[in-house]
Amino acid sequence: MPPGFYPKHRLRCYANRMQTRPIFILLGLLAAAGALAEAYTWTDENGVVHYSDRPEPGAKVVQLESSGNRRPQAAARPTAPANAENAGNAAVPDFRYERLEIASPAPEETLWNIGGTLNVTLALTPALQEGHQVRVYFDGTPRTVQGSSFQIEEVYRGVHNLQAEIVDETGKLMIRSLPNRFYVQQNSVL
C-alpha cells in the first residue's frame, strides 16, 4: 500500500469516532455539573459553620442550584411613601455622584505658554451638591477649590499630575477622578 492510503472503511470508522467524541465529552461535562451542585455543611466544636464540597463526619447535604438555572434577581427599588405621614419616616437613600472626570487639561495633553496659570475644568454628574467641596491634588499637594472650573497658579514647565475628588460636609470621600498627567512647555527666549 502506498503511504497515506487508507481503505474507505477505515476512513468511515475514523469519521464516526470523531463525530461521537464531542457527544461523550458533553455528557461527561453535564454529569460533572450535576455532581458540583452538591455541598456539605457542619458545625465544629467551636461553633464555626463550615461548608465544603467533600463530605465530613456529621455533615449535612446542602443542595445548590445549578448556575444555568438561576435567574438574576431584580435590584430592590425604593418605594415612594403612600402618604405624607410616612414621608418623614422614609429613609433617604444615600446620594452618589455618577461621574467625575478632569475635562481640561486632557490626559497626556501638552500645554504651551500658559504663563504659570492652569485653567482646570471638571465634568461632574450630577452637579456639585450643597455642602460638598472639591479637593484637587496638584502634583500630590491637596487644595480646596470652589466649583468645577478654577485656576491653579504657579504651574511651570514640566510634567504635572492632577486628580480631583468630592467630599461631603463631614469630610467623607464621595467620588474621586482618575489621575491625569499633562505636560507644560514654554518657548525659550534667546
N, C-alpha and C. Protein backbone atom coordinates (compact mmCIF):
# COMPACT_ATOMS: atom_id res chain seq x y z
N MET A 1 0.83 -1.18 0.00
CA MET A 1 0.00 0.00 0.00
C MET A 1 0.87 1.25 0.00
N PRO A 2 0.54 2.24 -0.81
CA PRO A 2 1.32 3.48 -0.81
C PRO A 2 1.10 4.25 0.48
N PRO A 3 2.09 5.03 0.91
CA PRO A 3 1.92 5.82 2.14
C PRO A 3 0.76 6.81 1.98
N GLY A 4 0.01 7.02 3.08
CA GLY A 4 -1.11 7.95 3.07
C GLY A 4 -2.38 7.36 2.50
N PHE A 5 -2.36 6.09 2.11
CA PHE A 5 -3.55 5.46 1.53
C PHE A 5 -4.30 4.72 2.63
N TYR A 6 -5.57 5.00 2.78
CA TYR A 6 -6.41 4.30 3.75
C TYR A 6 -7.62 3.75 3.01
N PRO A 7 -7.98 2.51 3.30
CA PRO A 7 -9.20 1.97 2.69
C PRO A 7 -10.41 2.79 3.14
N LYS A 8 -11.45 2.82 2.33
CA LYS A 8 -12.64 3.62 2.61
C LYS A 8 -13.30 3.23 3.93
N HIS A 9 -13.32 1.92 4.27
CA HIS A 9 -13.99 1.53 5.51
C HIS A 9 -13.24 2.07 6.73
N ARG A 10 -11.91 2.20 6.65
CA ARG A 10 -11.16 2.78 7.77
C ARG A 10 -11.45 4.28 7.93
N LEU A 11 -11.59 4.98 6.82
CA LEU A 11 -11.93 6.40 6.89
C LEU A 11 -13.29 6.61 7.50
N ARG A 12 -14.27 5.74 7.15
CA ARG A 12 -15.61 5.87 7.73
C ARG A 12 -15.58 5.62 9.23
N CYS A 13 -14.83 4.63 9.68
CA CYS A 13 -14.74 4.35 11.12
C CYS A 13 -14.11 5.52 11.87
N TYR A 14 -13.07 6.08 11.27
CA TYR A 14 -12.41 7.22 11.90
C TYR A 14 -13.36 8.41 11.98
N ALA A 15 -14.11 8.66 10.92
CA ALA A 15 -15.07 9.77 10.90
C ALA A 15 -16.17 9.54 11.93
N ASN A 16 -16.66 8.34 12.09
CA ASN A 16 -17.70 8.05 13.09
C ASN A 16 -17.18 8.30 14.51
N ARG A 17 -15.93 7.90 14.78
CA ARG A 17 -15.36 8.13 16.11
C ARG A 17 -15.22 9.63 16.36
N MET A 18 -14.84 10.40 15.37
CA MET A 18 -14.69 11.85 15.53
C MET A 18 -16.02 12.53 15.79
N GLN A 19 -17.13 11.98 15.25
CA GLN A 19 -18.44 12.58 15.47
C GLN A 19 -18.99 12.23 16.84
N THR A 20 -18.67 11.08 17.39
CA THR A 20 -19.21 10.68 18.69
C THR A 20 -18.38 11.22 19.85
N ARG A 21 -17.14 11.55 19.63
CA ARG A 21 -16.29 12.05 20.71
C ARG A 21 -16.85 13.31 21.37
N PRO A 22 -17.30 14.34 20.62
CA PRO A 22 -17.87 15.52 21.28
C PRO A 22 -19.13 15.20 22.09
N ILE A 23 -19.88 14.21 21.67
CA ILE A 23 -21.08 13.84 22.43
C ILE A 23 -20.70 13.28 23.79
N PHE A 24 -19.68 12.42 23.83
CA PHE A 24 -19.24 11.86 25.10
C PHE A 24 -18.64 12.93 26.00
N ILE A 25 -17.93 13.86 25.43
CA ILE A 25 -17.36 14.95 26.23
C ILE A 25 -18.48 15.80 26.83
N LEU A 26 -19.50 16.10 26.05
CA LEU A 26 -20.63 16.89 26.53
C LEU A 26 -21.36 16.15 27.65
N LEU A 27 -21.59 14.85 27.49
CA LEU A 27 -22.25 14.07 28.54
C LEU A 27 -21.42 14.06 29.82
N GLY A 28 -20.11 13.96 29.68
CA GLY A 28 -19.25 13.99 30.86
C GLY A 28 -19.31 15.32 31.58
N LEU A 29 -19.34 16.41 30.83
CA LEU A 29 -19.44 17.73 31.45
C LEU A 29 -20.77 17.93 32.16
N LEU A 30 -21.85 17.44 31.57
CA LEU A 30 -23.16 17.55 32.21
C LEU A 30 -23.21 16.74 33.50
N ALA A 31 -22.62 15.56 33.50
CA ALA A 31 -22.58 14.74 34.71
C ALA A 31 -21.75 15.43 35.79
N ALA A 32 -20.64 16.04 35.41
CA ALA A 32 -19.80 16.74 36.38
C ALA A 32 -20.52 17.94 36.96
N ALA A 33 -21.30 18.64 36.15
CA ALA A 33 -22.05 19.81 36.65
C ALA A 33 -23.07 19.38 37.69
N GLY A 34 -23.69 18.24 37.48
CA GLY A 34 -24.65 17.74 38.47
C GLY A 34 -23.96 17.39 39.77
N ALA A 35 -22.77 16.83 39.69
CA ALA A 35 -22.03 16.49 40.90
C ALA A 35 -21.56 17.73 41.63
N LEU A 36 -21.27 18.80 40.93
CA LEU A 36 -20.80 20.03 41.56
C LEU A 36 -21.90 20.78 42.28
N ALA A 37 -23.15 20.44 42.02
CA ALA A 37 -24.26 21.15 42.62
C ALA A 37 -24.57 20.64 44.03
N GLU A 38 -23.69 19.84 44.63
CA GLU A 38 -23.91 19.30 45.97
C GLU A 38 -22.81 19.80 46.89
N ALA A 39 -23.19 20.23 48.09
CA ALA A 39 -22.23 20.72 49.07
C ALA A 39 -22.62 20.18 50.43
N TYR A 40 -21.70 20.33 51.37
CA TYR A 40 -21.92 19.82 52.72
C TYR A 40 -21.67 20.92 53.73
N THR A 41 -22.39 20.87 54.83
CA THR A 41 -22.20 21.85 55.90
C THR A 41 -22.16 21.13 57.24
N TRP A 42 -21.36 21.67 58.17
CA TRP A 42 -21.30 21.15 59.52
C TRP A 42 -20.79 22.24 60.43
N THR A 43 -21.02 22.04 61.73
CA THR A 43 -20.57 22.99 62.74
C THR A 43 -19.54 22.30 63.61
N ASP A 44 -18.38 22.94 63.80
CA ASP A 44 -17.33 22.30 64.61
C ASP A 44 -17.55 22.58 66.09
N GLU A 45 -16.64 22.09 66.92
CA GLU A 45 -16.79 22.21 68.38
C GLU A 45 -16.72 23.65 68.87
N ASN A 46 -16.18 24.57 68.07
CA ASN A 46 -16.12 25.98 68.44
C ASN A 46 -17.33 26.76 67.96
N GLY A 47 -18.28 26.08 67.33
CA GLY A 47 -19.48 26.74 66.85
C GLY A 47 -19.32 27.39 65.48
N VAL A 48 -18.20 27.14 64.79
CA VAL A 48 -17.96 27.71 63.47
C VAL A 48 -18.62 26.82 62.43
N VAL A 49 -19.41 27.43 61.55
CA VAL A 49 -20.08 26.70 60.49
C VAL A 49 -19.13 26.58 59.30
N HIS A 50 -19.01 25.37 58.77
CA HIS A 50 -18.12 25.10 57.63
C HIS A 50 -18.95 24.63 56.45
N TYR A 51 -18.46 24.92 55.24
CA TYR A 51 -19.06 24.43 54.00
C TYR A 51 -17.95 23.79 53.18
N SER A 52 -18.29 22.71 52.48
CA SER A 52 -17.29 22.02 51.68
C SER A 52 -17.96 21.25 50.56
N ASP A 53 -17.17 20.89 49.56
CA ASP A 53 -17.68 20.03 48.50
C ASP A 53 -17.38 18.57 48.80
N ARG A 54 -16.71 18.29 49.93
CA ARG A 54 -16.39 16.92 50.34
C ARG A 54 -17.14 16.61 51.63
N PRO A 55 -17.69 15.41 51.73
CA PRO A 55 -18.43 15.06 52.96
C PRO A 55 -17.48 14.90 54.14
N GLU A 56 -17.89 15.38 55.28
CA GLU A 56 -17.18 15.25 56.55
C GLU A 56 -18.08 14.47 57.51
N PRO A 57 -17.53 13.84 58.54
CA PRO A 57 -18.38 13.14 59.51
C PRO A 57 -19.38 14.11 60.16
N GLY A 58 -20.65 13.76 60.13
CA GLY A 58 -21.71 14.57 60.72
C GLY A 58 -22.18 15.72 59.84
N ALA A 59 -21.70 15.79 58.61
CA ALA A 59 -22.08 16.89 57.71
C ALA A 59 -23.45 16.63 57.10
N LYS A 60 -24.18 17.72 56.84
CA LYS A 60 -25.48 17.64 56.18
C LYS A 60 -25.31 18.05 54.73
N VAL A 61 -26.09 17.44 53.85
CA VAL A 61 -26.03 17.76 52.43
C VAL A 61 -26.81 19.05 52.19
N VAL A 62 -26.20 19.95 51.46
CA VAL A 62 -26.86 21.19 51.05
C VAL A 62 -26.99 21.12 49.54
N GLN A 63 -28.21 21.21 49.04
CA GLN A 63 -28.45 21.15 47.60
C GLN A 63 -28.31 22.56 47.02
N LEU A 64 -27.42 22.73 46.06
CA LEU A 64 -27.18 24.02 45.43
C LEU A 64 -27.85 24.04 44.08
N GLU A 65 -28.28 25.23 43.68
CA GLU A 65 -28.85 25.39 42.35
C GLU A 65 -27.75 25.35 41.32
N SER A 66 -28.04 24.81 40.18
CA SER A 66 -27.11 24.87 39.06
C SER A 66 -27.06 26.31 38.58
N SER A 67 -25.88 26.79 38.23
CA SER A 67 -25.75 28.20 37.82
C SER A 67 -26.53 28.48 36.54
N GLY A 68 -26.78 27.46 35.73
CA GLY A 68 -27.54 27.66 34.50
C GLY A 68 -29.02 27.87 34.75
N ASN A 69 -29.53 27.45 35.90
CA ASN A 69 -30.96 27.58 36.21
C ASN A 69 -31.28 28.85 36.97
N ARG A 70 -30.27 29.56 37.41
CA ARG A 70 -30.53 30.75 38.22
C ARG A 70 -30.90 31.92 37.35
N ARG A 71 -31.81 32.69 37.84
CA ARG A 71 -32.19 33.94 37.17
C ARG A 71 -31.72 35.09 38.03
N PRO A 72 -31.20 36.12 37.42
CA PRO A 72 -30.76 37.26 38.22
C PRO A 72 -31.94 37.90 38.94
N GLN A 73 -31.70 38.26 40.17
CA GLN A 73 -32.75 38.92 40.94
C GLN A 73 -32.74 40.40 40.63
N ALA A 74 -33.93 40.95 40.51
CA ALA A 74 -34.04 42.39 40.25
C ALA A 74 -33.60 43.14 41.50
N ALA A 75 -32.92 44.23 41.30
CA ALA A 75 -32.48 45.05 42.41
C ALA A 75 -33.69 45.68 43.08
N ALA A 76 -33.65 45.72 44.39
CA ALA A 76 -34.77 46.30 45.12
C ALA A 76 -34.79 47.80 44.87
N ARG A 77 -35.93 48.29 44.51
CA ARG A 77 -36.09 49.72 44.27
C ARG A 77 -36.81 50.35 45.45
N PRO A 78 -36.35 51.50 45.86
CA PRO A 78 -37.06 52.15 46.96
C PRO A 78 -38.45 52.56 46.50
N THR A 79 -39.40 52.37 47.39
CA THR A 79 -40.77 52.72 47.04
C THR A 79 -41.11 54.08 47.65
N ALA A 80 -41.94 54.81 46.98
CA ALA A 80 -42.36 56.12 47.47
C ALA A 80 -43.35 55.92 48.61
N PRO A 81 -43.33 56.78 49.59
CA PRO A 81 -44.28 56.66 50.69
C PRO A 81 -45.71 56.81 50.17
N ALA A 82 -46.62 56.05 50.79
CA ALA A 82 -48.01 56.06 50.34
C ALA A 82 -48.68 57.40 50.62
N ASN A 83 -48.31 58.03 51.71
CA ASN A 83 -48.92 59.33 52.01
C ASN A 83 -47.91 60.22 52.71
N ALA A 84 -48.30 61.42 53.01
CA ALA A 84 -47.39 62.40 53.60
C ALA A 84 -46.96 62.01 55.01
N GLU A 85 -47.81 61.25 55.76
CA GLU A 85 -47.44 60.85 57.11
C GLU A 85 -46.19 59.97 57.10
N ASN A 86 -46.09 59.07 56.12
CA ASN A 86 -44.95 58.17 56.05
C ASN A 86 -43.73 58.83 55.45
N ALA A 87 -43.88 60.00 54.85
CA ALA A 87 -42.77 60.66 54.19
C ALA A 87 -41.66 61.00 55.18
N GLY A 88 -41.99 61.38 56.39
CA GLY A 88 -40.99 61.71 57.39
C GLY A 88 -40.26 60.49 57.89
N ASN A 89 -40.89 59.32 57.86
CA ASN A 89 -40.28 58.10 58.36
C ASN A 89 -39.46 57.37 57.30
N ALA A 90 -39.63 57.73 56.04
CA ALA A 90 -38.93 57.02 54.97
C ALA A 90 -37.45 57.36 55.02
N ALA A 91 -36.61 56.35 54.84
CA ALA A 91 -35.17 56.57 54.84
C ALA A 91 -34.76 57.23 53.53
N VAL A 92 -33.92 58.25 53.64
CA VAL A 92 -33.45 58.95 52.45
C VAL A 92 -32.29 58.13 51.87
N PRO A 93 -32.38 57.76 50.59
CA PRO A 93 -31.29 56.98 50.02
C PRO A 93 -30.00 57.79 49.98
N ASP A 94 -28.87 57.11 50.10
CA ASP A 94 -27.58 57.78 50.05
C ASP A 94 -27.37 58.42 48.68
N PHE A 95 -26.88 59.65 48.70
CA PHE A 95 -26.60 60.36 47.46
C PHE A 95 -25.27 59.86 46.90
N ARG A 96 -25.22 59.70 45.59
CA ARG A 96 -23.98 59.27 44.93
C ARG A 96 -23.77 60.08 43.66
N TYR A 97 -22.52 60.43 43.43
CA TYR A 97 -22.15 61.04 42.16
C TYR A 97 -21.91 59.90 41.17
N GLU A 98 -22.31 60.12 39.93
CA GLU A 98 -22.13 59.09 38.91
C GLU A 98 -20.78 59.19 38.22
N ARG A 99 -20.27 60.42 38.07
CA ARG A 99 -19.07 60.59 37.26
C ARG A 99 -18.32 61.84 37.70
N LEU A 100 -16.99 61.71 37.77
CA LEU A 100 -16.11 62.85 38.00
C LEU A 100 -14.88 62.63 37.13
N GLU A 101 -14.66 63.54 36.20
CA GLU A 101 -13.51 63.48 35.30
C GLU A 101 -12.88 64.85 35.18
N ILE A 102 -11.61 64.85 34.89
CA ILE A 102 -10.93 66.11 34.60
C ILE A 102 -11.06 66.32 33.10
N ALA A 103 -11.89 67.29 32.71
CA ALA A 103 -12.15 67.55 31.29
C ALA A 103 -11.02 68.35 30.65
N SER A 104 -10.45 69.27 31.42
CA SER A 104 -9.36 70.09 30.90
C SER A 104 -8.40 70.38 32.04
N PRO A 105 -7.12 70.13 31.88
CA PRO A 105 -6.43 69.63 30.70
C PRO A 105 -6.71 68.14 30.49
N ALA A 106 -6.67 67.73 29.23
CA ALA A 106 -6.92 66.33 28.88
C ALA A 106 -5.73 65.47 29.30
N PRO A 107 -5.95 64.18 29.54
CA PRO A 107 -4.83 63.31 29.88
C PRO A 107 -3.77 63.31 28.79
N GLU A 108 -2.53 63.40 29.19
CA GLU A 108 -1.36 63.40 28.29
C GLU A 108 -1.31 64.61 27.36
N GLU A 109 -2.08 65.65 27.66
CA GLU A 109 -2.07 66.85 26.83
C GLU A 109 -0.81 67.68 27.11
N THR A 110 -0.30 68.31 26.07
CA THR A 110 0.82 69.23 26.22
C THR A 110 0.29 70.65 26.07
N LEU A 111 0.50 71.47 27.10
CA LEU A 111 0.05 72.86 27.10
C LEU A 111 1.25 73.75 26.84
N TRP A 112 1.08 74.77 25.99
CA TRP A 112 2.17 75.65 25.61
C TRP A 112 1.93 77.06 26.14
N ASN A 113 2.97 77.64 26.74
CA ASN A 113 2.99 79.06 27.12
C ASN A 113 1.75 79.47 27.93
N ILE A 114 1.51 78.80 29.04
CA ILE A 114 0.32 79.13 29.83
C ILE A 114 0.57 80.26 30.83
N GLY A 115 1.79 80.74 30.89
CA GLY A 115 2.10 81.87 31.76
C GLY A 115 1.97 81.55 33.24
N GLY A 116 2.11 80.29 33.63
CA GLY A 116 2.05 79.91 35.04
C GLY A 116 0.66 79.71 35.59
N THR A 117 -0.38 79.92 34.77
CA THR A 117 -1.76 79.77 35.24
C THR A 117 -2.43 78.62 34.49
N LEU A 118 -2.86 77.61 35.23
CA LEU A 118 -3.52 76.43 34.65
C LEU A 118 -5.03 76.55 34.83
N ASN A 119 -5.78 76.52 33.73
CA ASN A 119 -7.24 76.51 33.79
C ASN A 119 -7.71 75.06 33.84
N VAL A 120 -8.49 74.73 34.85
CA VAL A 120 -8.97 73.36 35.05
C VAL A 120 -10.49 73.35 34.96
N THR A 121 -11.04 72.36 34.26
CA THR A 121 -12.48 72.16 34.18
C THR A 121 -12.77 70.70 34.52
N LEU A 122 -13.72 70.51 35.44
CA LEU A 122 -14.14 69.17 35.84
C LEU A 122 -15.49 68.85 35.23
N ALA A 123 -15.70 67.60 34.89
CA ALA A 123 -17.01 67.12 34.44
C ALA A 123 -17.58 66.30 35.58
N LEU A 124 -18.66 66.79 36.18
CA LEU A 124 -19.25 66.16 37.36
C LEU A 124 -20.73 65.91 37.12
N THR A 125 -21.18 64.67 37.35
CA THR A 125 -22.58 64.31 37.18
C THR A 125 -23.04 63.57 38.42
N PRO A 126 -24.13 63.99 39.05
CA PRO A 126 -24.85 65.25 38.91
C PRO A 126 -24.01 66.41 39.45
N ALA A 127 -24.58 67.58 39.37
CA ALA A 127 -23.86 68.80 39.77
C ALA A 127 -23.47 68.74 41.24
N LEU A 128 -22.50 69.57 41.61
CA LEU A 128 -22.00 69.64 42.98
C LEU A 128 -23.14 69.98 43.93
N GLN A 129 -23.31 69.18 44.97
CA GLN A 129 -24.38 69.36 45.94
C GLN A 129 -23.98 70.37 47.01
N GLU A 130 -24.96 71.00 47.60
CA GLU A 130 -24.73 72.00 48.64
C GLU A 130 -24.01 71.34 49.82
N GLY A 131 -22.97 72.00 50.30
CA GLY A 131 -22.19 71.48 51.43
C GLY A 131 -21.03 70.60 51.00
N HIS A 132 -20.99 70.16 49.76
CA HIS A 132 -19.89 69.33 49.27
C HIS A 132 -18.78 70.21 48.74
N GLN A 133 -17.54 69.74 48.85
CA GLN A 133 -16.38 70.51 48.43
C GLN A 133 -15.57 69.75 47.39
N VAL A 134 -14.90 70.52 46.54
CA VAL A 134 -13.99 69.95 45.54
C VAL A 134 -12.58 70.08 46.10
N ARG A 135 -11.88 68.96 46.12
CA ARG A 135 -10.49 68.96 46.54
C ARG A 135 -9.67 68.44 45.36
N VAL A 136 -8.63 69.15 45.00
CA VAL A 136 -7.75 68.70 43.92
C VAL A 136 -6.36 68.46 44.48
N TYR A 137 -5.69 67.52 43.87
CA TYR A 137 -4.31 67.22 44.21
C TYR A 137 -3.47 67.59 42.99
N PHE A 138 -2.71 68.68 43.13
CA PHE A 138 -1.82 69.11 42.06
C PHE A 138 -0.42 68.68 42.45
N ASP A 139 0.14 67.76 41.69
CA ASP A 139 1.45 67.18 41.97
C ASP A 139 1.52 66.66 43.41
N GLY A 140 0.41 66.07 43.87
CA GLY A 140 0.36 65.45 45.20
C GLY A 140 -0.03 66.37 46.33
N THR A 141 -0.11 67.66 46.09
CA THR A 141 -0.45 68.62 47.14
C THR A 141 -1.94 68.93 47.08
N PRO A 142 -2.68 68.69 48.20
CA PRO A 142 -4.13 68.94 48.18
C PRO A 142 -4.44 70.43 48.26
N ARG A 143 -5.51 70.81 47.54
CA ARG A 143 -6.02 72.19 47.56
C ARG A 143 -7.54 72.10 47.49
N THR A 144 -8.21 72.93 48.27
CA THR A 144 -9.66 73.02 48.17
C THR A 144 -9.98 74.17 47.21
N VAL A 145 -10.86 73.90 46.26
CA VAL A 145 -11.21 74.90 45.24
C VAL A 145 -12.72 75.08 45.24
N GLN A 146 -13.16 76.14 44.59
CA GLN A 146 -14.59 76.44 44.51
C GLN A 146 -15.11 76.07 43.12
N GLY A 147 -16.11 75.26 43.05
CA GLY A 147 -16.77 74.94 41.79
C GLY A 147 -16.02 73.93 40.94
N SER A 148 -16.54 73.75 39.73
CA SER A 148 -15.96 72.75 38.83
C SER A 148 -15.08 73.38 37.75
N SER A 149 -14.92 74.70 37.76
CA SER A 149 -13.97 75.39 36.89
C SER A 149 -13.16 76.34 37.76
N PHE A 150 -11.84 76.24 37.67
CA PHE A 150 -10.99 77.04 38.54
C PHE A 150 -9.61 77.15 37.92
N GLN A 151 -8.76 77.95 38.55
CA GLN A 151 -7.39 78.13 38.08
C GLN A 151 -6.43 77.72 39.19
N ILE A 152 -5.29 77.18 38.76
CA ILE A 152 -4.19 76.88 39.67
C ILE A 152 -3.01 77.73 39.22
N GLU A 153 -2.47 78.48 40.16
CA GLU A 153 -1.35 79.40 39.86
C GLU A 153 -0.02 78.69 40.06
N GLU A 154 1.02 79.26 39.48
CA GLU A 154 2.40 78.79 39.59
C GLU A 154 2.58 77.38 39.04
N VAL A 155 2.07 77.19 37.83
CA VAL A 155 2.24 75.93 37.12
C VAL A 155 3.25 76.20 36.01
N TYR A 156 4.44 75.63 36.16
CA TYR A 156 5.51 75.93 35.21
C TYR A 156 5.89 74.71 34.40
N ARG A 157 6.88 74.88 33.55
CA ARG A 157 7.34 73.85 32.61
C ARG A 157 7.59 72.52 33.33
N GLY A 158 7.16 71.42 32.68
CA GLY A 158 7.43 70.09 33.22
C GLY A 158 6.24 69.16 33.12
N VAL A 159 6.38 68.02 33.77
CA VAL A 159 5.33 67.00 33.84
C VAL A 159 4.56 67.22 35.13
N HIS A 160 3.23 67.25 35.04
CA HIS A 160 2.40 67.50 36.22
C HIS A 160 1.29 66.46 36.31
N ASN A 161 0.83 66.24 37.54
CA ASN A 161 -0.27 65.32 37.80
C ASN A 161 -1.39 66.06 38.51
N LEU A 162 -2.61 65.69 38.13
CA LEU A 162 -3.80 66.34 38.69
C LEU A 162 -4.84 65.27 38.97
N GLN A 163 -5.47 65.36 40.13
CA GLN A 163 -6.57 64.46 40.48
C GLN A 163 -7.56 65.26 41.30
N ALA A 164 -8.86 64.95 41.14
CA ALA A 164 -9.91 65.69 41.86
C ALA A 164 -10.77 64.71 42.63
N GLU A 165 -11.36 65.21 43.70
CA GLU A 165 -12.30 64.41 44.47
C GLU A 165 -13.35 65.32 45.09
N ILE A 166 -14.49 64.73 45.42
CA ILE A 166 -15.57 65.46 46.08
C ILE A 166 -15.72 64.86 47.47
N VAL A 167 -15.78 65.73 48.48
CA VAL A 167 -16.01 65.29 49.85
C VAL A 167 -17.26 65.97 50.38
N ASP A 168 -17.98 65.26 51.25
CA ASP A 168 -19.19 65.85 51.82
C ASP A 168 -18.83 66.74 53.01
N GLU A 169 -19.86 67.27 53.68
CA GLU A 169 -19.62 68.22 54.78
C GLU A 169 -18.90 67.59 55.96
N THR A 170 -18.91 66.26 56.09
CA THR A 170 -18.19 65.59 57.18
C THR A 170 -16.77 65.19 56.77
N GLY A 171 -16.41 65.43 55.50
CA GLY A 171 -15.09 65.05 55.01
C GLY A 171 -15.05 63.67 54.37
N LYS A 172 -16.20 63.01 54.28
CA LYS A 172 -16.28 61.68 53.68
C LYS A 172 -16.10 61.78 52.16
N LEU A 173 -15.24 60.93 51.62
CA LEU A 173 -15.00 60.91 50.17
C LEU A 173 -16.24 60.41 49.45
N MET A 174 -16.71 61.18 48.48
CA MET A 174 -17.89 60.82 47.71
C MET A 174 -17.50 60.18 46.37
N ILE A 175 -16.52 60.78 45.69
CA ILE A 175 -16.06 60.27 44.40
C ILE A 175 -14.69 60.86 44.12
N ARG A 176 -13.89 60.10 43.36
CA ARG A 176 -12.54 60.56 43.00
C ARG A 176 -12.32 60.31 41.52
N SER A 177 -11.67 61.25 40.85
CA SER A 177 -11.35 61.08 39.43
C SER A 177 -10.12 60.20 39.28
N LEU A 178 -9.90 59.76 38.07
CA LEU A 178 -8.64 59.08 37.75
C LEU A 178 -7.53 60.11 37.72
N PRO A 179 -6.30 59.72 38.03
CA PRO A 179 -5.19 60.67 37.93
C PRO A 179 -5.01 61.12 36.49
N ASN A 180 -4.59 62.37 36.32
CA ASN A 180 -4.44 62.96 34.99
C ASN A 180 -3.03 63.54 34.90
N ARG A 181 -2.23 63.01 33.98
CA ARG A 181 -0.89 63.54 33.76
C ARG A 181 -0.92 64.44 32.53
N PHE A 182 -0.28 65.59 32.63
CA PHE A 182 -0.21 66.51 31.49
C PHE A 182 1.16 67.19 31.51
N TYR A 183 1.47 67.89 30.42
CA TYR A 183 2.79 68.50 30.26
C TYR A 183 2.65 69.98 29.97
N VAL A 184 3.58 70.76 30.50
CA VAL A 184 3.60 72.19 30.21
C VAL A 184 4.94 72.48 29.55
N GLN A 185 4.86 73.15 28.39
CA GLN A 185 6.05 73.54 27.64
C GLN A 185 6.07 75.08 27.54
N GLN A 186 7.25 75.61 27.51
CA GLN A 186 7.41 77.05 27.42
C GLN A 186 8.43 77.34 26.32
N ASN A 187 8.10 78.23 25.40
CA ASN A 187 9.08 78.62 24.40
C ASN A 187 10.20 79.38 25.07
N SER A 188 11.42 79.06 24.69
CA SER A 188 12.56 79.76 25.27
C SER A 188 12.78 81.08 24.55
N VAL A 189 13.26 82.04 25.28
CA VAL A 189 13.55 83.35 24.71
C VAL A 189 15.06 83.47 24.59
N LEU A 190 15.58 83.43 23.38
CA LEU A 190 17.04 83.55 23.17
C LEU A 190 17.35 84.73 22.31
